[in-house]
Amino acid sequence: MEVKVIKETTYRVKSVWKTLQGEGLFAGRPAVFVRMVGCNLWSGYADTRERDAARTGANCPMWCDTDFTKEGSKAYTAAELAQEMRSVGGDVNFCVVTGGEPLLHLKPELVEALHQAGFFIAIETNGTVSLQESCWSEEQGELITPDWIVCSPKLPQDQLTLEYFDELKLVLPDYHPEKYDAFAKRQRPNQVQGSQLPLLWLQPEDGARLQQATQMAINYALDNPEWRVSVQTHKILNVE
């Protein structure tokens, strides 16, 4: 009788590091970051920027400065990655899984391994991969999801499949609130002192258009106070 060997899922990781969360509600909080390899909107290589922007219809390949390529990456099982994160993070119990696009990789067994290691799990996603697709557990018959979801859309709202999020971050000037009015309603309600807290952020693009984008964000927030201007505090503090 032939015995089938089930190969354990591995996760291709670019880097694991301890730092401060730089943006959003948890800005300034010590965190263990995990950068997954790969994205569905850009290859990560400079010579494909225009090609991938045309292929996907996203603007982000033209200005994204994140290195999520496979070079220098390492493969971990869920248990190995949780152990590495605990080793790097020490007593830090807040982790951020990012990319690239983390929902291309995040599976229920990894979520469970990180929870067992004592982590509160936040992710940063572009909204094009659904939780049903990435986090459904056939074994348990339910979704096994991260604790906190930050979505920074890079495609029009009618192409976004993410079912819900906790924070919405729009990078100006390419992604404007008026184009995401329906998607913004997918935010999970979060209560602070008995009132719902709108975690809707306007993030000025860090580049040649920074001054223009910053003024645009300020003007929009002043006229629409449910929105906030996001400041990249990790860059101000000069931490990765």
Protein backbone atom coordinates (compact mmCIF):
# COMPACT_ATOMS: atom_id res chain seq x y z
CA MET A 1 0.00 0.00 0.00
CA GLU A 2 1.42 3.36 -1.03
CA VAL A 3 1.63 5.92 1.75
CA LYS A 4 1.03 9.48 0.65
CA VAL A 5 3.39 12.03 2.12
CA ILE A 6 1.66 15.35 2.68
CA LYS A 7 4.08 18.18 2.14
CA GLU A 8 3.79 20.91 4.74
CA THR A 9 3.05 24.39 3.41
CA THR A 10 5.98 26.76 3.42
CA TYR A 11 5.93 30.54 3.31
CA ARG A 12 8.44 32.54 1.30
CA VAL A 13 9.55 35.43 3.52
CA LYS A 14 11.73 38.36 2.50
CA SER A 15 12.47 39.56 6.03
CA VAL A 16 11.44 39.48 9.69
CA TRP A 17 12.32 42.46 11.87
CA LYS A 18 11.36 44.27 15.06
CA THR A 19 10.43 47.91 14.74
CA LEU A 20 7.65 50.40 15.45
CA GLN A 21 4.41 50.43 13.53
CA GLY A 22 4.62 53.69 11.62
CA GLU A 23 1.07 54.29 10.42
CA GLY A 24 -2.56 54.16 11.40
CA LEU A 25 -4.21 53.47 14.74
CA PHE A 26 -1.23 51.56 16.11
CA ALA A 27 1.44 54.11 15.10
CA GLY A 28 4.33 54.01 17.56
CA ARG A 29 3.52 50.52 18.85
CA PRO A 30 6.42 48.02 18.93
CA ALA A 31 5.82 45.33 16.34
CA VAL A 32 7.33 42.33 14.61
CA PHE A 33 7.02 42.81 10.86
CA VAL A 34 6.99 39.96 8.37
CA ARG A 35 7.39 40.80 4.69
CA MET A 36 6.07 38.11 2.36
CA VAL A 37 7.46 37.72 -1.14
CA GLY A 38 5.34 38.62 -4.15
CA CYS A 39 2.46 40.80 -5.24
CA ASN A 40 -0.34 40.35 -7.77
CA LEU A 41 -0.06 43.92 -9.11
CA TRP A 42 3.69 44.37 -9.64
CA SER A 43 6.63 41.99 -10.01
CA GLY A 44 8.83 44.14 -7.79
CA TYR A 45 11.42 44.73 -10.51
CA ALA A 46 12.02 48.21 -11.92
CA ASP A 47 12.06 47.12 -15.56
CA THR A 48 8.45 45.83 -15.35
CA ARG A 49 6.84 48.93 -13.84
CA GLU A 50 5.16 50.17 -17.00
CA ARG A 51 4.26 46.68 -18.20
CA ASP A 52 2.63 45.72 -14.90
CA ALA A 53 0.78 49.02 -14.58
CA ALA A 54 -0.69 48.43 -18.04
CA ARG A 55 -1.43 44.76 -17.26
CA THR A 56 -3.19 45.32 -13.95
CA GLY A 57 -4.60 48.82 -14.34
CA ALA A 58 -2.97 49.81 -11.05
CA ASN A 59 -0.89 52.95 -10.59
CA CYS A 60 1.21 51.56 -7.74
CA PRO A 61 3.83 49.80 -9.93
CA MET A 62 4.97 53.24 -11.08
CA TRP A 63 5.94 54.46 -7.59
CA CYS A 64 6.04 51.54 -5.14
CA ASP A 65 9.42 51.42 -3.37
CA THR A 66 8.98 48.18 -1.39
CA ASP A 67 11.38 45.28 -1.96
CA PHE A 68 9.35 42.07 -1.90
CA THR A 69 11.31 40.14 -4.55
CA LYS A 70 12.42 36.53 -4.02
CA GLU A 71 16.14 37.31 -3.91
CA GLY A 72 17.46 36.83 -0.38
CA SER A 73 14.18 35.34 0.85
CA LYS A 74 13.78 32.23 2.99
CA ALA A 75 11.12 29.53 3.22
CA TYR A 76 9.52 28.73 6.59
CA THR A 77 6.81 26.38 7.73
CA ALA A 78 4.11 28.03 9.84
CA ALA A 79 5.69 26.77 13.06
CA GLU A 80 9.18 27.84 11.97
CA LEU A 81 8.02 31.31 11.06
CA ALA A 82 6.17 31.76 14.35
CA GLN A 83 9.34 30.65 16.18
CA GLU A 84 11.52 33.05 14.17
CA MET A 85 9.14 35.93 14.85
CA ARG A 86 9.14 35.18 18.57
CA SER A 87 12.94 35.00 18.54
CA VAL A 88 13.22 38.35 16.74
CA GLY A 89 10.43 40.06 18.66
CA GLY A 90 11.16 38.90 22.17
CA ASP A 91 8.29 40.12 24.35
CA VAL A 92 6.57 42.01 21.50
CA ASN A 93 3.15 40.44 20.90
CA PHE A 94 1.95 42.64 18.04
CA CYS A 95 2.86 41.51 14.53
CA VAL A 96 2.22 42.93 11.07
CA VAL A 97 2.17 40.65 8.03
CA THR A 98 2.80 42.64 4.88
CA GLY A 99 4.26 42.29 1.40
CA GLY A 100 3.77 42.55 -1.53
CA GLU A 101 0.32 41.14 -1.01
CA PRO A 102 0.17 39.00 2.16
CA LEU A 103 -3.23 37.42 1.44
CA LEU A 104 -1.65 35.57 -1.49
CA HIS A 105 0.16 33.54 1.19
CA LEU A 106 -1.58 33.84 4.54
CA LYS A 107 -3.30 30.52 5.33
CA PRO A 108 -5.32 29.35 8.35
CA GLU A 109 -2.43 27.25 9.67
CA LEU A 110 -0.16 30.30 9.78
CA VAL A 111 -2.80 32.41 11.53
CA GLU A 112 -3.23 29.64 14.09
CA ALA A 113 0.53 29.23 14.58
CA LEU A 114 0.96 32.95 15.21
CA HIS A 115 -1.96 33.01 17.63
CA GLN A 116 -0.50 30.03 19.49
CA ALA A 117 2.77 31.95 19.73
CA GLY A 118 0.87 34.78 21.42
CA PHE A 119 0.69 37.30 18.58
CA PHE A 120 -2.08 39.78 17.77
CA ILE A 121 -2.03 39.66 13.96
CA ALA A 122 -2.44 42.69 11.73
CA ILE A 123 -2.10 42.58 7.95
CA GLU A 124 -1.71 45.20 5.23
CA THR A 125 -3.50 44.24 2.01
CA ASN A 126 -4.44 45.83 -1.32
CA GLY A 127 -7.97 44.39 -1.15
CA THR A 128 -7.81 42.22 -4.28
CA VAL A 129 -7.74 38.86 -2.46
CA SER A 130 -10.74 37.73 -0.42
CA LEU A 131 -10.56 36.27 3.06
CA GLN A 132 -12.75 33.43 1.83
CA GLU A 133 -10.07 32.58 -0.71
CA SER A 134 -7.09 32.85 1.60
CA CYS A 135 -8.29 32.11 5.13
CA TRP A 136 -10.99 29.46 4.78
CA SER A 137 -10.21 26.33 6.79
CA GLU A 138 -11.63 23.19 5.17
CA GLU A 139 -10.78 21.22 8.29
CA GLN A 140 -12.67 23.50 10.66
CA GLY A 141 -15.30 24.71 8.20
CA GLU A 142 -14.80 28.39 9.03
CA LEU A 143 -12.66 31.42 8.38
CA ILE A 144 -9.46 31.68 10.43
CA THR A 145 -8.58 35.32 9.95
CA PRO A 146 -6.10 37.93 11.22
CA ASP A 147 -7.19 40.11 14.11
CA TRP A 148 -6.78 43.44 12.33
CA ILE A 149 -6.94 44.30 8.62
CA VAL A 150 -5.57 47.45 7.02
CA CYS A 151 -6.57 47.86 3.39
CA SER A 152 -4.81 50.19 0.97
CA PRO A 153 -6.66 49.68 -2.33
CA LYS A 154 -4.74 49.85 -5.57
CA LEU A 155 -7.59 49.04 -8.01
CA PRO A 156 -11.08 50.54 -8.50
CA GLN A 157 -13.58 49.58 -5.81
CA ASP A 158 -15.60 47.33 -8.13
CA GLN A 159 -12.52 45.09 -8.46
CA LEU A 160 -11.92 44.70 -4.71
CA THR A 161 -12.94 41.35 -3.21
CA LEU A 162 -11.88 41.86 0.42
CA GLU A 163 -15.00 41.35 2.50
CA TYR A 164 -14.18 43.74 5.34
CA PHE A 165 -11.38 45.73 6.91
CA ASP A 166 -10.61 47.71 10.07
CA GLU A 167 -8.62 50.59 8.58
CA LEU A 168 -8.78 52.04 5.08
CA LYS A 169 -5.74 53.89 3.72
CA LEU A 170 -5.89 55.71 0.40
CA VAL A 171 -2.64 56.90 -1.16
CA LEU A 172 -3.10 60.36 -2.66
CA PRO A 173 -3.17 61.66 -5.32
CA ASP A 174 -3.86 58.41 -7.24
CA TYR A 175 -6.54 56.94 -4.95
CA HIS A 176 -9.23 59.41 -3.92
CA PRO A 177 -12.00 58.94 -1.31
CA GLU A 178 -14.79 59.85 -3.71
CA LYS A 179 -13.90 56.78 -5.78
CA TYR A 180 -14.15 54.44 -2.76
CA ASP A 181 -17.35 55.59 -1.10
CA ALA A 182 -19.07 52.20 -1.43
CA PHE A 183 -15.99 50.19 -0.41
CA ALA A 184 -15.49 52.36 2.68
CA LYS A 185 -18.78 50.99 4.02
CA ARG A 186 -17.16 47.55 4.42
CA GLN A 187 -15.28 48.83 7.47
CA ARG A 188 -15.93 46.86 10.65
CA PRO A 189 -17.26 49.13 13.41
CA ASN A 190 -14.68 49.83 16.11
CA GLN A 191 -15.84 51.41 19.34
CA VAL A 192 -13.84 53.92 21.39
CA GLN A 193 -15.49 55.37 24.51
CA GLY A 194 -18.88 54.29 23.25
CA SER A 195 -18.59 55.93 19.84
CA GLN A 196 -17.72 54.42 16.47
CA LEU A 197 -14.23 55.41 15.40
CA PRO A 198 -13.79 56.02 11.66
CA LEU A 199 -10.34 54.74 10.71
CA LEU A 200 -10.20 56.25 7.24
CA TRP A 201 -6.77 57.54 6.30
CA LEU A 202 -5.37 59.75 3.55
CA GLN A 203 -1.73 58.86 2.90
CA PRO A 204 0.29 61.36 0.84
CA GLU A 205 2.48 59.55 -1.68
CA ASP A 206 6.14 59.82 -0.61
CA GLY A 207 7.95 60.97 -3.74
CA ALA A 208 8.02 63.78 -6.25
CA ARG A 209 4.36 64.56 -5.60
CA LEU A 210 4.61 64.63 -1.78
CA GLN A 211 3.92 68.34 -1.34
CA GLN A 212 0.94 68.27 -3.70
CA ALA A 213 -0.44 65.10 -2.13
CA THR A 214 0.01 66.40 1.42
CA GLN A 215 -1.93 69.57 0.71
CA MET A 216 -4.64 67.56 -1.02
CA ALA A 217 -4.94 65.28 2.04
CA ILE A 218 -5.10 68.21 4.46
CA ASN A 219 -7.74 70.05 2.43
CA TYR A 220 -9.91 66.96 2.04
CA ALA A 221 -9.73 66.03 5.74
CA LEU A 222 -10.64 69.55 6.84
CA ASP A 223 -13.74 69.41 4.62
CA ASN A 224 -14.54 65.76 5.45
CA PRO A 225 -13.67 65.20 9.13
CA GLU A 226 -14.44 61.48 9.06
CA TRP A 227 -11.12 61.18 7.19
CA ARG A 228 -7.69 61.62 8.78
CA VAL A 229 -4.28 62.46 7.36
CA SER A 230 -1.80 59.61 7.77
CA VAL A 231 1.76 60.53 8.72
CA GLN A 232 4.53 57.96 8.15
CA THR A 233 6.06 58.27 11.60
CA HIS A 234 8.58 55.47 10.95
CA LYS A 235 10.25 57.69 8.36
CA ILE A 236 10.28 60.65 10.72
CA LEU A 237 11.84 58.44 13.41
CA ASN A 238 14.20 56.88 10.86
CA VAL A 239 13.26 53.28 11.63
CA GLU A 240 12.61 50.60 9.01
